[in-house]
Protein backbone atom coordinates (compact mmCIF):
# COMPACT_ATOMS: atom_id res chain seq x y z
CA UNK A 1 -43.85 30.17 8.71
CA UNK A 2 -40.41 31.59 9.45
CA UNK A 3 -39.56 28.44 11.45
CA UNK A 4 -40.54 26.30 8.47
CA UNK A 5 -38.43 28.54 6.21
CA UNK A 6 -35.46 28.16 8.54
CA UNK A 7 -35.82 24.39 8.60
CA UNK A 8 -36.07 24.41 4.81
CA UNK A 9 -32.94 26.52 4.40
CA UNK A 10 -31.04 24.31 6.86
CA UNK A 11 -32.01 21.21 4.92
CA UNK A 12 -31.13 22.84 1.63
CA UNK A 13 -27.73 23.80 3.01
CA UNK A 14 -27.19 20.23 4.19
CA UNK A 15 -28.18 18.87 0.80
CA UNK A 16 -25.89 21.34 -0.95
CA UNK A 17 -23.02 20.40 1.36
CA UNK A 18 -23.72 16.69 0.82
CA UNK A 19 -23.80 16.99 -2.96
CA UNK A 20 -20.67 19.15 -2.99
CA UNK A 21 -18.92 16.56 -0.80
CA UNK A 22 -20.15 13.77 -3.08
CA UNK A 23 -18.98 15.62 -6.18
CA UNK A 24 -15.49 16.28 -4.82
CA UNK A 25 -15.25 12.74 -3.41
CA UNK A 26 -16.07 11.21 -6.79
CA UNK A 27 -13.77 13.63 -8.60
CA UNK A 28 -10.77 13.04 -6.37
CA UNK A 29 -11.40 9.32 -6.04
CA UNK A 30 -11.33 9.17 -9.84
CA UNK A 31 -8.03 11.04 -9.78
CA UNK A 32 -6.61 8.62 -7.21
CA UNK A 33 -7.97 5.65 -9.14
CA UNK A 34 -6.37 6.98 -12.31
CA UNK A 35 -3.03 7.45 -10.55
CA UNK A 36 -3.18 3.96 -9.07
CA UNK A 37 -4.02 2.47 -12.45
CA UNK A 38 -1.17 4.45 -14.01
CA UNK A 39 1.36 3.15 -11.48
CA UNK A 40 0.02 -0.41 -11.66
CA UNK A 41 0.18 -0.38 -15.45
CA UNK A 42 3.74 0.98 -15.37
CA UNK A 43 4.71 -1.74 -12.91
CA UNK A 44 3.14 -4.43 -15.09
CA UNK A 45 4.85 -3.04 -18.19
CA UNK A 46 8.22 -3.06 -16.42
CA UNK A 47 7.67 -6.65 -15.28
CA UNK A 48 6.57 -7.65 -18.78
CA UNK A 49 9.69 -5.96 -20.23
CA UNK A 50 11.94 -7.81 -17.78
CA UNK A 51 10.27 -11.15 -18.55
CA UNK A 52 10.54 -10.59 -22.29
CA UNK A 53 14.21 -9.66 -21.99
CA UNK A 54 14.81 -12.73 -19.85
CA UNK A 55 13.24 -14.94 -22.53
CA UNK A 56 15.25 -13.22 -25.28
CA UNK A 57 18.54 -13.55 -23.39
CA UNK A 58 17.72 -17.16 -22.51
CA UNK A 59 17.16 -17.93 -26.19
CA UNK A 60 20.37 -16.06 -27.08
CA UNK A 61 22.41 -18.08 -24.59
CA UNK A 62 20.79 -21.30 -25.79
CA UNK A 63 21.68 -20.27 -29.34
CA UNK A 64 25.32 -19.67 -28.35
CA UNK A 65 25.39 -22.99 -26.55
CA UNK A 66 24.07 -24.76 -29.64
CA UNK A 67 26.65 -23.02 -31.83
CA UNK A 68 29.47 -24.09 -29.53
C-alpha cells in the first residue's frame, strides 16, 4: 500500500511539474509572441510611413515639374 502511495505521489508530482511547465511555457510564449507582433507591426508601420511619404513627395515634385 505504501509503495502504491509513493508511486501515486511521484506521478502526481510529475503531473504538477508538467502542468506548471505547460502553464509557464504558454504564458511566456504569449509574451514573446506579443513582443514579436509589436515589433513587426512597428516595422510595418514605419515602412508604410516611408512609402506614403515617398508617394507624397513624388506627387509634390511632379506638381512642381508641371508648374514649371
